[in-house]
N, C-alpha and C. Protein backbone atom coordinates (compact mmCIF):
# COMPACT_ATOMS: atom_id res chain seq x y z
N UNK A 1 7.58 27.50 -2.16
CA UNK A 1 6.68 26.36 -2.06
C UNK A 1 5.41 26.79 -1.34
N UNK A 2 4.24 26.61 -1.95
CA UNK A 2 2.99 26.99 -1.31
C UNK A 2 2.62 25.97 -0.24
N UNK A 3 1.71 26.37 0.64
CA UNK A 3 1.32 25.49 1.74
C UNK A 3 0.58 24.26 1.21
N UNK A 4 -0.17 24.42 0.10
CA UNK A 4 -0.87 23.29 -0.50
C UNK A 4 0.13 22.30 -1.09
N UNK A 5 1.17 22.84 -1.73
CA UNK A 5 2.21 21.99 -2.32
C UNK A 5 2.97 21.23 -1.24
N UNK A 6 3.18 21.87 -0.11
CA UNK A 6 3.86 21.21 1.01
C UNK A 6 3.06 19.99 1.45
N UNK A 7 1.76 20.15 1.62
CA UNK A 7 0.92 19.04 2.05
C UNK A 7 0.86 17.92 1.04
N UNK A 8 0.69 18.29 -0.25
CA UNK A 8 0.55 17.28 -1.31
C UNK A 8 1.84 16.50 -1.52
N UNK A 9 2.96 17.21 -1.60
CA UNK A 9 4.23 16.52 -1.86
C UNK A 9 4.69 15.73 -0.65
N UNK A 10 4.41 16.20 0.54
CA UNK A 10 4.81 15.44 1.73
C UNK A 10 4.04 14.13 1.79
N UNK A 11 2.80 14.14 1.31
CA UNK A 11 2.00 12.90 1.26
C UNK A 11 2.61 11.90 0.28
N UNK A 12 2.93 12.37 -0.93
CA UNK A 12 3.45 11.47 -1.96
C UNK A 12 4.82 10.94 -1.58
N UNK A 13 5.67 11.80 -1.04
CA UNK A 13 7.01 11.36 -0.66
C UNK A 13 6.96 10.35 0.49
N UNK A 14 6.08 10.61 1.46
CA UNK A 14 5.92 9.65 2.57
C UNK A 14 5.36 8.33 2.06
N UNK A 15 4.44 8.40 1.10
CA UNK A 15 3.87 7.19 0.53
C UNK A 15 4.94 6.38 -0.20
N UNK A 16 5.84 7.07 -0.87
CA UNK A 16 6.93 6.40 -1.59
C UNK A 16 7.78 5.59 -0.63
N UNK A 17 8.03 6.14 0.55
CA UNK A 17 8.81 5.42 1.55
C UNK A 17 8.03 4.29 2.18
N UNK A 18 6.74 4.53 2.41
CA UNK A 18 5.90 3.51 3.05
C UNK A 18 5.71 2.29 2.16
N UNK A 19 5.71 2.49 0.85
CA UNK A 19 5.48 1.38 -0.08
C UNK A 19 6.58 0.33 -0.04
N UNK A 20 7.79 0.74 0.31
CA UNK A 20 8.91 -0.20 0.34
C UNK A 20 8.88 -0.99 1.64
N UNK A 21 8.78 -2.32 1.56
CA UNK A 21 8.72 -3.14 2.78
C UNK A 21 9.93 -2.91 3.68
N UNK A 22 9.68 -2.70 4.97
CA UNK A 22 10.73 -2.49 5.95
C UNK A 22 10.25 -2.97 7.31
N UNK A 23 10.88 -2.53 8.40
CA UNK A 23 10.48 -2.97 9.75
C UNK A 23 9.01 -2.73 10.06
N UNK A 24 8.48 -1.55 9.71
CA UNK A 24 7.08 -1.26 10.01
C UNK A 24 6.14 -2.19 9.24
N UNK A 25 6.52 -2.52 8.01
CA UNK A 25 5.70 -3.43 7.20
C UNK A 25 5.63 -4.81 7.87
N UNK A 26 6.79 -5.31 8.28
CA UNK A 26 6.85 -6.62 8.92
C UNK A 26 6.03 -6.64 10.21
N UNK A 27 6.18 -5.60 11.01
CA UNK A 27 5.45 -5.51 12.27
C UNK A 27 3.94 -5.42 12.01
N UNK A 28 3.56 -4.64 10.99
CA UNK A 28 2.14 -4.48 10.68
C UNK A 28 1.51 -5.80 10.26
N UNK A 29 2.22 -6.56 9.43
CA UNK A 29 1.70 -7.87 9.00
C UNK A 29 1.55 -8.79 10.20
N UNK A 30 2.58 -8.84 11.04
CA UNK A 30 2.57 -9.72 12.21
C UNK A 30 1.44 -9.37 13.17
N UNK A 31 1.30 -8.07 13.47
CA UNK A 31 0.26 -7.64 14.41
C UNK A 31 -1.14 -7.79 13.82
N UNK A 32 -1.27 -7.61 12.52
CA UNK A 32 -2.58 -7.71 11.88
C UNK A 32 -3.11 -9.14 11.91
N UNK A 33 -2.19 -10.10 11.84
CA UNK A 33 -2.59 -11.51 11.93
C UNK A 33 -3.23 -11.78 13.29
N UNK A 34 -2.69 -11.15 14.33
CA UNK A 34 -3.17 -11.40 15.70
C UNK A 34 -4.31 -10.48 16.11
N UNK A 35 -4.26 -9.21 15.67
CA UNK A 35 -5.20 -8.21 16.18
C UNK A 35 -6.23 -7.73 15.16
N UNK A 36 -6.01 -8.03 13.89
CA UNK A 36 -6.95 -7.58 12.88
C UNK A 36 -6.61 -6.19 12.36
N UNK A 37 -7.60 -5.55 11.75
CA UNK A 37 -7.40 -4.26 11.07
C UNK A 37 -6.81 -3.18 11.97
N UNK A 38 -7.21 -3.15 13.23
CA UNK A 38 -6.81 -2.06 14.13
C UNK A 38 -5.29 -1.98 14.32
N UNK A 39 -4.58 -3.05 14.01
CA UNK A 39 -3.12 -3.07 14.21
C UNK A 39 -2.43 -1.98 13.40
N UNK A 40 -2.82 -1.80 12.15
CA UNK A 40 -2.19 -0.81 11.29
C UNK A 40 -2.28 0.60 11.85
N UNK A 41 -3.50 1.10 12.13
CA UNK A 41 -3.63 2.43 12.71
C UNK A 41 -2.90 2.60 14.03
N UNK A 42 -2.89 1.57 14.89
CA UNK A 42 -2.20 1.69 16.18
C UNK A 42 -0.69 1.77 15.99
N UNK A 43 -0.15 1.02 15.06
CA UNK A 43 1.28 1.06 14.78
C UNK A 43 1.68 2.44 14.25
N UNK A 44 0.86 2.99 13.38
CA UNK A 44 1.15 4.33 12.85
C UNK A 44 0.94 5.40 13.91
N UNK A 45 0.08 5.13 14.89
CA UNK A 45 -0.06 6.06 16.01
C UNK A 45 1.27 6.16 16.76
N UNK A 46 1.89 5.02 17.03
CA UNK A 46 3.20 5.03 17.68
C UNK A 46 4.25 5.71 16.81
N UNK A 47 4.23 5.40 15.53
CA UNK A 47 5.14 6.01 14.56
C UNK A 47 4.94 7.52 14.52
N UNK A 48 3.68 7.95 14.53
CA UNK A 48 3.35 9.37 14.46
C UNK A 48 3.74 10.12 15.72
N UNK A 49 3.57 9.50 16.88
CA UNK A 49 3.96 10.13 18.14
C UNK A 49 5.46 10.41 18.14
N UNK A 50 6.24 9.44 17.68
CA UNK A 50 7.69 9.61 17.62
C UNK A 50 8.06 10.74 16.66
N UNK A 51 7.43 10.78 15.51
CA UNK A 51 7.76 11.82 14.53
C UNK A 51 7.30 13.19 15.00
N UNK A 52 6.20 13.25 15.73
CA UNK A 52 5.74 14.52 16.29
C UNK A 52 6.76 15.05 17.28
N UNK A 53 7.31 14.17 18.11
CA UNK A 53 8.33 14.57 19.08
C UNK A 53 9.58 15.07 18.35
N UNK A 54 9.96 14.38 17.27
CA UNK A 54 11.13 14.79 16.49
C UNK A 54 10.92 16.19 15.93
N UNK A 55 9.74 16.45 15.41
CA UNK A 55 9.44 17.77 14.85
C UNK A 55 9.53 18.85 15.92
N UNK A 56 8.98 18.58 17.11
CA UNK A 56 9.04 19.56 18.20
C UNK A 56 10.49 19.83 18.61
N UNK A 57 11.28 18.77 18.70
CA UNK A 57 12.69 18.94 19.08
C UNK A 57 13.45 19.77 18.04
N UNK A 58 13.16 19.50 16.77
CA UNK A 58 13.84 20.24 15.71
C UNK A 58 13.44 21.71 15.72
N UNK A 59 12.15 21.96 15.86
CA UNK A 59 11.65 23.34 15.81
C UNK A 59 12.16 24.16 16.99
N UNK A 60 12.02 23.62 18.21
CA UNK A 60 12.37 24.39 19.39
C UNK A 60 13.86 24.32 19.72
N UNK A 61 14.55 23.35 19.12
CA UNK A 61 15.97 23.23 19.42
C UNK A 61 16.88 23.94 18.45
N UNK A 62 16.50 24.01 17.19
CA UNK A 62 17.42 24.57 16.20
C UNK A 62 16.72 25.55 15.25
N UNK A 63 15.66 26.21 15.71
CA UNK A 63 14.97 27.17 14.86
C UNK A 63 15.89 28.27 14.32
N UNK A 64 16.74 28.89 15.14
CA UNK A 64 17.65 29.91 14.60
C UNK A 64 18.57 29.33 13.52
N UNK A 65 18.99 28.10 13.72
CA UNK A 65 19.85 27.43 12.75
C UNK A 65 19.12 27.22 11.43
N UNK A 66 17.85 26.86 11.50
CA UNK A 66 17.06 26.60 10.30
C UNK A 66 16.84 27.86 9.47
N UNK A 67 16.86 29.00 10.14
CA UNK A 67 16.57 30.25 9.45
C UNK A 67 17.74 30.77 8.62
N UNK A 68 18.91 30.23 8.81
CA UNK A 68 20.10 30.72 8.09
C UNK A 68 20.08 30.30 6.63
N UNK A 69 20.55 31.21 5.77
CA UNK A 69 20.59 30.92 4.33
C UNK A 69 21.51 29.73 4.02
N UNK A 70 22.61 29.64 4.75
CA UNK A 70 23.54 28.52 4.52
C UNK A 70 22.86 27.19 4.81
N UNK A 71 22.08 27.16 5.89
CA UNK A 71 21.36 25.95 6.25
C UNK A 71 20.36 25.57 5.17
N UNK A 72 19.64 26.56 4.69
CA UNK A 72 18.64 26.32 3.65
C UNK A 72 19.31 25.75 2.40
N UNK A 73 20.47 26.28 2.06
CA UNK A 73 21.18 25.82 0.87
C UNK A 73 21.66 24.37 1.03
N UNK A 74 22.32 24.10 2.14
CA UNK A 74 22.86 22.76 2.38
C UNK A 74 21.75 21.72 2.47
N UNK A 75 20.69 22.08 3.19
CA UNK A 75 19.57 21.13 3.37
C UNK A 75 18.88 20.84 2.04
N UNK A 76 18.75 21.87 1.21
CA UNK A 76 18.09 21.66 -0.08
C UNK A 76 18.92 20.75 -0.98
N UNK A 77 20.24 20.91 -0.93
CA UNK A 77 21.12 20.05 -1.73
C UNK A 77 21.06 18.61 -1.23
N UNK A 78 21.24 18.42 0.07
CA UNK A 78 21.23 17.08 0.64
C UNK A 78 19.88 16.40 0.45
N UNK A 79 18.82 17.16 0.73
CA UNK A 79 17.48 16.60 0.58
C UNK A 79 17.19 16.20 -0.86
N UNK A 80 17.58 17.05 -1.79
CA UNK A 80 17.35 16.76 -3.21
C UNK A 80 18.12 15.54 -3.68
N UNK A 81 19.37 15.44 -3.24
CA UNK A 81 20.20 14.28 -3.63
C UNK A 81 19.61 12.99 -3.08
N UNK A 82 19.20 13.01 -1.82
CA UNK A 82 18.60 11.82 -1.20
C UNK A 82 17.31 11.42 -1.92
N UNK A 83 16.50 12.41 -2.28
CA UNK A 83 15.26 12.13 -3.00
C UNK A 83 15.54 11.47 -4.35
N UNK A 84 16.51 11.99 -5.06
CA UNK A 84 16.86 11.42 -6.37
C UNK A 84 17.38 9.98 -6.20
N UNK A 85 18.24 9.77 -5.21
CA UNK A 85 18.74 8.42 -4.96
C UNK A 85 17.60 7.47 -4.62
N UNK A 86 16.69 7.92 -3.76
CA UNK A 86 15.53 7.10 -3.40
C UNK A 86 14.70 6.77 -4.63
N UNK A 87 14.49 7.78 -5.48
CA UNK A 87 13.67 7.58 -6.67
C UNK A 87 14.30 6.57 -7.63
N UNK A 88 15.61 6.71 -7.85
CA UNK A 88 16.31 5.79 -8.75
C UNK A 88 16.27 4.36 -8.21
N UNK A 89 16.48 4.22 -6.90
CA UNK A 89 16.46 2.89 -6.29
C UNK A 89 15.07 2.28 -6.33
N UNK A 90 14.06 3.13 -6.17
CA UNK A 90 12.68 2.65 -6.21
C UNK A 90 12.34 2.11 -7.60
N UNK A 91 12.72 2.86 -8.63
CA UNK A 91 12.47 2.42 -10.00
C UNK A 91 13.28 1.16 -10.32
N UNK A 92 14.53 1.14 -9.86
CA UNK A 92 15.40 -0.01 -10.13
C UNK A 92 14.87 -1.28 -9.49
N UNK A 93 14.39 -1.16 -8.26
CA UNK A 93 13.97 -2.35 -7.51
C UNK A 93 12.52 -2.76 -7.79
N UNK A 94 11.78 -1.89 -8.50
CA UNK A 94 10.35 -2.16 -8.72
C UNK A 94 10.11 -3.47 -9.47
N UNK A 95 11.06 -3.86 -10.32
CA UNK A 95 10.87 -5.08 -11.11
C UNK A 95 10.92 -6.34 -10.26
N UNK A 96 11.66 -6.29 -9.16
CA UNK A 96 11.87 -7.51 -8.38
C UNK A 96 11.18 -7.51 -7.02
N UNK A 97 10.86 -6.32 -6.47
CA UNK A 97 10.27 -6.27 -5.14
C UNK A 97 8.88 -6.91 -5.14
N UNK A 98 8.55 -7.58 -4.04
CA UNK A 98 7.26 -8.25 -3.94
C UNK A 98 6.55 -7.83 -2.66
N UNK A 99 5.25 -7.74 -2.74
CA UNK A 99 4.44 -7.37 -1.59
C UNK A 99 3.95 -8.65 -0.93
N UNK A 100 4.84 -9.29 -0.18
CA UNK A 100 4.53 -10.57 0.44
C UNK A 100 3.94 -10.34 1.83
N UNK A 101 2.64 -10.49 1.96
CA UNK A 101 1.99 -10.21 3.22
C UNK A 101 1.92 -11.43 4.13
N UNK A 102 2.60 -12.51 3.74
CA UNK A 102 2.65 -13.69 4.59
C UNK A 102 4.00 -13.83 5.28
N UNK A 103 4.91 -12.91 4.97
CA UNK A 103 6.29 -13.05 5.43
C UNK A 103 6.42 -13.05 6.94
N UNK A 104 5.51 -12.38 7.64
CA UNK A 104 5.70 -12.23 9.09
C UNK A 104 4.65 -12.96 9.91
N UNK A 105 3.87 -13.83 9.31
CA UNK A 105 2.78 -14.45 10.02
C UNK A 105 3.24 -15.22 11.26
N UNK A 106 4.40 -15.85 11.20
CA UNK A 106 4.84 -16.68 12.30
C UNK A 106 5.73 -15.95 13.30
N UNK A 107 5.97 -14.68 13.03
CA UNK A 107 6.81 -13.91 13.93
C UNK A 107 5.97 -13.24 15.01
N UNK A 108 6.53 -13.13 16.21
CA UNK A 108 5.81 -12.52 17.31
C UNK A 108 6.52 -11.26 17.75
N UNK A 109 5.75 -10.25 18.07
CA UNK A 109 6.34 -9.02 18.58
C UNK A 109 6.22 -9.01 20.11
N UNK A 110 7.24 -8.51 20.77
CA UNK A 110 7.27 -8.53 22.23
C UNK A 110 6.36 -7.46 22.80
N UNK A 111 6.30 -6.31 22.13
CA UNK A 111 5.52 -5.18 22.63
C UNK A 111 4.19 -5.06 21.91
N UNK A 112 3.35 -4.15 22.40
CA UNK A 112 2.09 -3.89 21.74
C UNK A 112 2.30 -3.11 20.46
N UNK A 113 1.25 -2.90 19.65
CA UNK A 113 1.40 -2.24 18.36
C UNK A 113 1.90 -0.81 18.42
N UNK A 114 1.50 -0.05 19.43
CA UNK A 114 1.93 1.35 19.50
C UNK A 114 3.43 1.44 19.77
N UNK A 115 3.91 0.71 20.78
CA UNK A 115 5.34 0.70 21.09
C UNK A 115 6.12 0.08 19.93
N UNK A 116 5.54 -0.93 19.30
CA UNK A 116 6.21 -1.56 18.15
C UNK A 116 6.37 -0.57 17.01
N UNK A 117 5.39 0.35 16.86
CA UNK A 117 5.49 1.38 15.84
C UNK A 117 6.65 2.31 16.09
N UNK A 118 6.90 2.61 17.36
CA UNK A 118 8.04 3.46 17.73
C UNK A 118 9.35 2.73 17.47
N UNK A 119 9.43 1.48 17.93
CA UNK A 119 10.66 0.70 17.79
C UNK A 119 10.95 0.40 16.32
N UNK A 120 9.91 0.10 15.55
CA UNK A 120 10.09 -0.19 14.13
C UNK A 120 10.63 1.01 13.37
N UNK A 121 10.24 2.21 13.80
CA UNK A 121 10.73 3.43 13.15
C UNK A 121 12.20 3.66 13.48
N UNK A 122 12.54 3.58 14.77
CA UNK A 122 13.91 3.84 15.21
C UNK A 122 14.88 2.82 14.63
N UNK A 123 14.43 1.59 14.46
CA UNK A 123 15.32 0.52 14.00
C UNK A 123 15.61 0.59 12.51
N UNK A 124 14.95 1.51 11.81
CA UNK A 124 15.16 1.65 10.37
C UNK A 124 16.13 2.80 10.09
N UNK A 125 17.36 2.51 9.63
CA UNK A 125 18.35 3.57 9.36
C UNK A 125 17.83 4.60 8.37
N UNK A 126 17.01 4.16 7.43
CA UNK A 126 16.45 5.07 6.42
C UNK A 126 15.65 6.18 7.09
N UNK A 127 14.96 5.86 8.19
CA UNK A 127 14.12 6.83 8.88
C UNK A 127 14.96 8.00 9.40
N UNK A 128 16.11 7.69 10.00
CA UNK A 128 17.00 8.74 10.52
C UNK A 128 17.54 9.61 9.40
N UNK A 129 18.00 8.96 8.33
CA UNK A 129 18.53 9.69 7.18
C UNK A 129 17.47 10.62 6.59
N UNK A 130 16.25 10.12 6.52
CA UNK A 130 15.14 10.91 5.96
C UNK A 130 14.93 12.20 6.76
N UNK A 131 14.93 12.08 8.09
CA UNK A 131 14.62 13.24 8.91
C UNK A 131 15.75 14.28 8.95
N UNK A 132 16.99 13.87 8.82
CA UNK A 132 18.09 14.85 8.86
C UNK A 132 18.34 15.48 7.50
N UNK A 133 17.65 15.02 6.48
CA UNK A 133 17.81 15.60 5.15
C UNK A 133 16.48 16.12 4.62
N UNK A 134 15.64 15.23 4.14
CA UNK A 134 14.37 15.61 3.53
C UNK A 134 13.42 16.23 4.56
N UNK A 135 13.28 15.59 5.70
CA UNK A 135 12.38 16.11 6.73
C UNK A 135 12.79 17.49 7.20
N UNK A 136 14.09 17.69 7.36
CA UNK A 136 14.61 19.00 7.78
C UNK A 136 14.32 20.05 6.72
N UNK A 137 14.45 19.66 5.46
CA UNK A 137 14.16 20.58 4.37
C UNK A 137 12.70 21.01 4.37
N UNK A 138 11.82 20.06 4.62
CA UNK A 138 10.40 20.38 4.69
C UNK A 138 10.08 21.30 5.86
N UNK A 139 10.76 21.10 6.97
CA UNK A 139 10.54 21.98 8.11
C UNK A 139 10.94 23.41 7.78
N UNK A 140 12.06 23.56 7.08
CA UNK A 140 12.52 24.89 6.68
C UNK A 140 11.45 25.58 5.83
N UNK A 141 10.86 24.82 4.89
CA UNK A 141 9.84 25.38 4.01
C UNK A 141 8.54 25.67 4.76
N UNK A 142 8.11 24.71 5.57
CA UNK A 142 6.82 24.86 6.25
C UNK A 142 6.83 25.94 7.32
N UNK A 143 8.00 26.21 7.91
CA UNK A 143 8.08 27.24 8.94
C UNK A 143 7.81 28.63 8.39
N UNK A 144 7.88 28.78 7.07
CA UNK A 144 7.54 30.07 6.46
C UNK A 144 6.08 30.43 6.70
N UNK A 145 5.27 29.40 6.93
CA UNK A 145 3.83 29.60 7.16
C UNK A 145 3.47 29.42 8.63
N UNK A 146 4.50 29.38 9.48
CA UNK A 146 4.26 29.25 10.91
C UNK A 146 3.80 27.86 11.30
N UNK A 147 3.07 27.79 12.41
CA UNK A 147 2.62 26.51 12.94
C UNK A 147 1.66 25.81 12.00
N UNK A 148 0.90 26.58 11.22
CA UNK A 148 -0.04 25.99 10.26
C UNK A 148 0.73 25.22 9.18
N UNK A 149 1.82 25.80 8.71
CA UNK A 149 2.63 25.13 7.70
C UNK A 149 3.20 23.82 8.20
N UNK A 150 3.70 23.83 9.43
CA UNK A 150 4.25 22.61 10.03
C UNK A 150 3.15 21.56 10.19
N UNK A 151 1.96 22.01 10.61
CA UNK A 151 0.83 21.10 10.80
C UNK A 151 0.42 20.45 9.47
N UNK A 152 0.41 21.25 8.39
CA UNK A 152 0.06 20.72 7.07
C UNK A 152 1.09 19.70 6.61
N UNK A 153 2.37 20.01 6.82
CA UNK A 153 3.44 19.07 6.47
C UNK A 153 3.27 17.75 7.23
N UNK A 154 3.07 17.85 8.54
CA UNK A 154 2.94 16.64 9.36
C UNK A 154 1.70 15.85 8.99
N UNK A 155 0.59 16.53 8.75
CA UNK A 155 -0.65 15.85 8.39
C UNK A 155 -0.50 15.11 7.06
N UNK A 156 0.11 15.77 6.07
CA UNK A 156 0.31 15.12 4.78
C UNK A 156 1.22 13.92 4.90
N UNK A 157 2.27 14.07 5.71
CA UNK A 157 3.25 13.00 5.89
C UNK A 157 2.65 11.78 6.59
N UNK A 158 2.01 12.01 7.72
CA UNK A 158 1.50 10.88 8.51
C UNK A 158 0.27 10.26 7.86
N UNK A 159 -0.47 11.04 7.06
CA UNK A 159 -1.65 10.50 6.38
C UNK A 159 -1.27 9.40 5.39
N UNK A 160 -0.14 9.58 4.72
CA UNK A 160 0.32 8.58 3.75
C UNK A 160 0.61 7.26 4.46
N UNK A 161 1.30 7.34 5.59
CA UNK A 161 1.60 6.12 6.37
C UNK A 161 0.31 5.47 6.86
N UNK A 162 -0.60 6.29 7.36
CA UNK A 162 -1.86 5.76 7.90
C UNK A 162 -2.68 5.06 6.82
N UNK A 163 -2.79 5.69 5.66
CA UNK A 163 -3.57 5.11 4.57
C UNK A 163 -2.98 3.77 4.12
N UNK A 164 -1.67 3.76 3.85
CA UNK A 164 -1.04 2.54 3.32
C UNK A 164 -1.07 1.39 4.33
N UNK A 165 -0.67 1.66 5.56
CA UNK A 165 -0.61 0.58 6.54
C UNK A 165 -1.99 0.14 7.02
N UNK A 166 -2.97 1.01 6.91
CA UNK A 166 -4.35 0.59 7.20
C UNK A 166 -4.83 -0.38 6.13
N UNK A 167 -4.45 -0.11 4.88
CA UNK A 167 -4.80 -1.01 3.77
C UNK A 167 -4.13 -2.37 3.98
N UNK A 168 -2.85 -2.34 4.37
CA UNK A 168 -2.11 -3.58 4.60
C UNK A 168 -2.75 -4.40 5.71
N UNK A 169 -3.04 -3.76 6.84
CA UNK A 169 -3.61 -4.49 7.98
C UNK A 169 -5.00 -5.03 7.65
N UNK A 170 -5.77 -4.27 6.88
CA UNK A 170 -7.10 -4.75 6.48
C UNK A 170 -6.97 -5.96 5.56
N UNK A 171 -6.06 -5.87 4.60
CA UNK A 171 -5.88 -6.98 3.66
C UNK A 171 -5.41 -8.24 4.36
N UNK A 172 -4.46 -8.09 5.30
CA UNK A 172 -3.96 -9.25 6.03
C UNK A 172 -5.06 -9.87 6.90
N UNK A 173 -5.81 -9.02 7.59
CA UNK A 173 -6.86 -9.53 8.48
C UNK A 173 -7.98 -10.23 7.71
N UNK A 174 -8.18 -9.84 6.44
CA UNK A 174 -9.22 -10.46 5.62
C UNK A 174 -8.68 -11.54 4.69
N UNK A 175 -7.35 -11.70 4.70
CA UNK A 175 -6.73 -12.70 3.84
C UNK A 175 -6.83 -12.36 2.36
N UNK A 176 -6.75 -11.10 2.05
CA UNK A 176 -6.88 -10.65 0.65
C UNK A 176 -5.59 -10.01 0.16
N UNK A 177 -5.45 -9.95 -1.16
CA UNK A 177 -4.36 -9.19 -1.74
C UNK A 177 -4.76 -7.72 -1.77
N UNK A 178 -3.78 -6.85 -1.90
CA UNK A 178 -4.07 -5.42 -1.88
C UNK A 178 -4.35 -4.90 -3.29
N UNK A 179 -3.34 -4.87 -4.13
CA UNK A 179 -3.50 -4.33 -5.48
C UNK A 179 -2.90 -5.26 -6.53
N UNK A 180 -2.31 -6.37 -6.09
CA UNK A 180 -1.65 -7.27 -7.03
C UNK A 180 -0.22 -6.82 -7.29
N UNK A 181 0.62 -7.75 -7.71
CA UNK A 181 2.03 -7.44 -7.94
C UNK A 181 2.23 -6.39 -9.03
N UNK A 182 1.47 -6.50 -10.12
CA UNK A 182 1.64 -5.55 -11.21
C UNK A 182 1.25 -4.14 -10.78
N UNK A 183 0.11 -4.01 -10.11
CA UNK A 183 -0.32 -2.70 -9.65
C UNK A 183 0.65 -2.10 -8.65
N UNK A 184 1.17 -2.95 -7.77
CA UNK A 184 2.14 -2.51 -6.78
C UNK A 184 3.39 -1.96 -7.44
N UNK A 185 3.88 -2.67 -8.46
CA UNK A 185 5.08 -2.23 -9.16
C UNK A 185 4.85 -0.93 -9.92
N UNK A 186 3.67 -0.76 -10.51
CA UNK A 186 3.36 0.49 -11.20
C UNK A 186 3.36 1.66 -10.21
N UNK A 187 2.87 1.40 -9.01
CA UNK A 187 2.89 2.44 -7.98
C UNK A 187 4.33 2.82 -7.64
N UNK A 188 5.21 1.82 -7.55
CA UNK A 188 6.61 2.09 -7.25
C UNK A 188 7.28 2.88 -8.37
N UNK A 189 7.00 2.52 -9.61
CA UNK A 189 7.55 3.24 -10.75
C UNK A 189 7.10 4.71 -10.71
N UNK A 190 5.81 4.92 -10.46
CA UNK A 190 5.26 6.27 -10.44
C UNK A 190 5.88 7.11 -9.32
N UNK A 191 5.93 6.53 -8.12
CA UNK A 191 6.50 7.24 -6.98
C UNK A 191 8.00 7.50 -7.18
N UNK A 192 8.69 6.52 -7.76
CA UNK A 192 10.12 6.70 -8.02
C UNK A 192 10.38 7.84 -8.98
N UNK A 193 9.59 7.90 -10.03
CA UNK A 193 9.73 9.00 -10.99
C UNK A 193 9.44 10.34 -10.35
N UNK A 194 8.42 10.37 -9.50
CA UNK A 194 8.07 11.60 -8.80
C UNK A 194 9.23 12.07 -7.92
N UNK A 195 9.86 11.13 -7.21
CA UNK A 195 10.95 11.49 -6.31
C UNK A 195 12.14 12.08 -7.08
N UNK A 196 12.44 11.52 -8.23
CA UNK A 196 13.55 12.03 -9.04
C UNK A 196 13.26 13.46 -9.49
N UNK A 197 12.06 13.69 -10.00
CA UNK A 197 11.68 15.02 -10.49
C UNK A 197 11.66 16.03 -9.35
N UNK A 198 11.02 15.65 -8.24
CA UNK A 198 10.92 16.57 -7.12
C UNK A 198 12.29 16.81 -6.47
N UNK A 199 13.14 15.77 -6.47
CA UNK A 199 14.49 15.93 -5.92
C UNK A 199 15.30 16.94 -6.71
N UNK A 200 15.18 16.90 -8.04
CA UNK A 200 15.88 17.86 -8.89
C UNK A 200 15.39 19.28 -8.62
N UNK A 201 14.09 19.41 -8.41
CA UNK A 201 13.52 20.72 -8.11
C UNK A 201 13.96 21.19 -6.72
N UNK A 202 14.05 20.24 -5.79
CA UNK A 202 14.45 20.54 -4.42
C UNK A 202 15.87 21.10 -4.39
N UNK A 203 16.74 20.55 -5.22
CA UNK A 203 18.14 20.97 -5.27
C UNK A 203 18.28 22.43 -5.69
N UNK A 204 17.33 22.92 -6.47
CA UNK A 204 17.39 24.30 -6.94
C UNK A 204 17.30 25.28 -5.78
N UNK A 205 16.90 24.77 -4.63
CA UNK A 205 16.82 25.65 -3.47
C UNK A 205 15.42 25.69 -2.91
N UNK A 206 15.34 25.70 -1.60
CA UNK A 206 14.03 25.78 -0.93
C UNK A 206 13.52 27.20 -1.03
N UNK A 207 12.37 27.39 -1.67
CA UNK A 207 11.86 28.75 -1.86
C UNK A 207 11.61 29.47 -0.54
């Protein structure tokens, strides 16, 4: 996997996850009603800080483990299977999922947006599963290019979250729709298909 491919695919895969409404989506809508556009970037700042810490812990805690061929094989299989499952579920649910940006207007968050971004990430079981499978696989690949590879992976990953949730917070603060239900579903179909294809390739083994 080239360093450019790492950055590009990490962006698309992260975007695929961000598109599905979850805890961060609900928090972003709620905070955007109260704080305006800045809520989205601040929430992703908290989300990004947590993920940066996770990456550091993984790199400095289990680097020898990541270098083993057995680890690379197992991680590639698990990561690929999870990606395919995510892709199939994304395509399956695309027909019925709705981008309802009014769902959290009346809900209040106890903490500020940055801390809420951390809590919203931890409270999502999908987030943990992602990092012990797909995220770990990406670290194995990116470490081939040293710290630059890891930086490219992280930048591509967090950029997807920042772009999507900034759009959401802007739309909520202005009282506008984002892309419409049809456009949203087409995005889900596209990302779901990408995940299935990339998951199959991932299973072949991390280069």
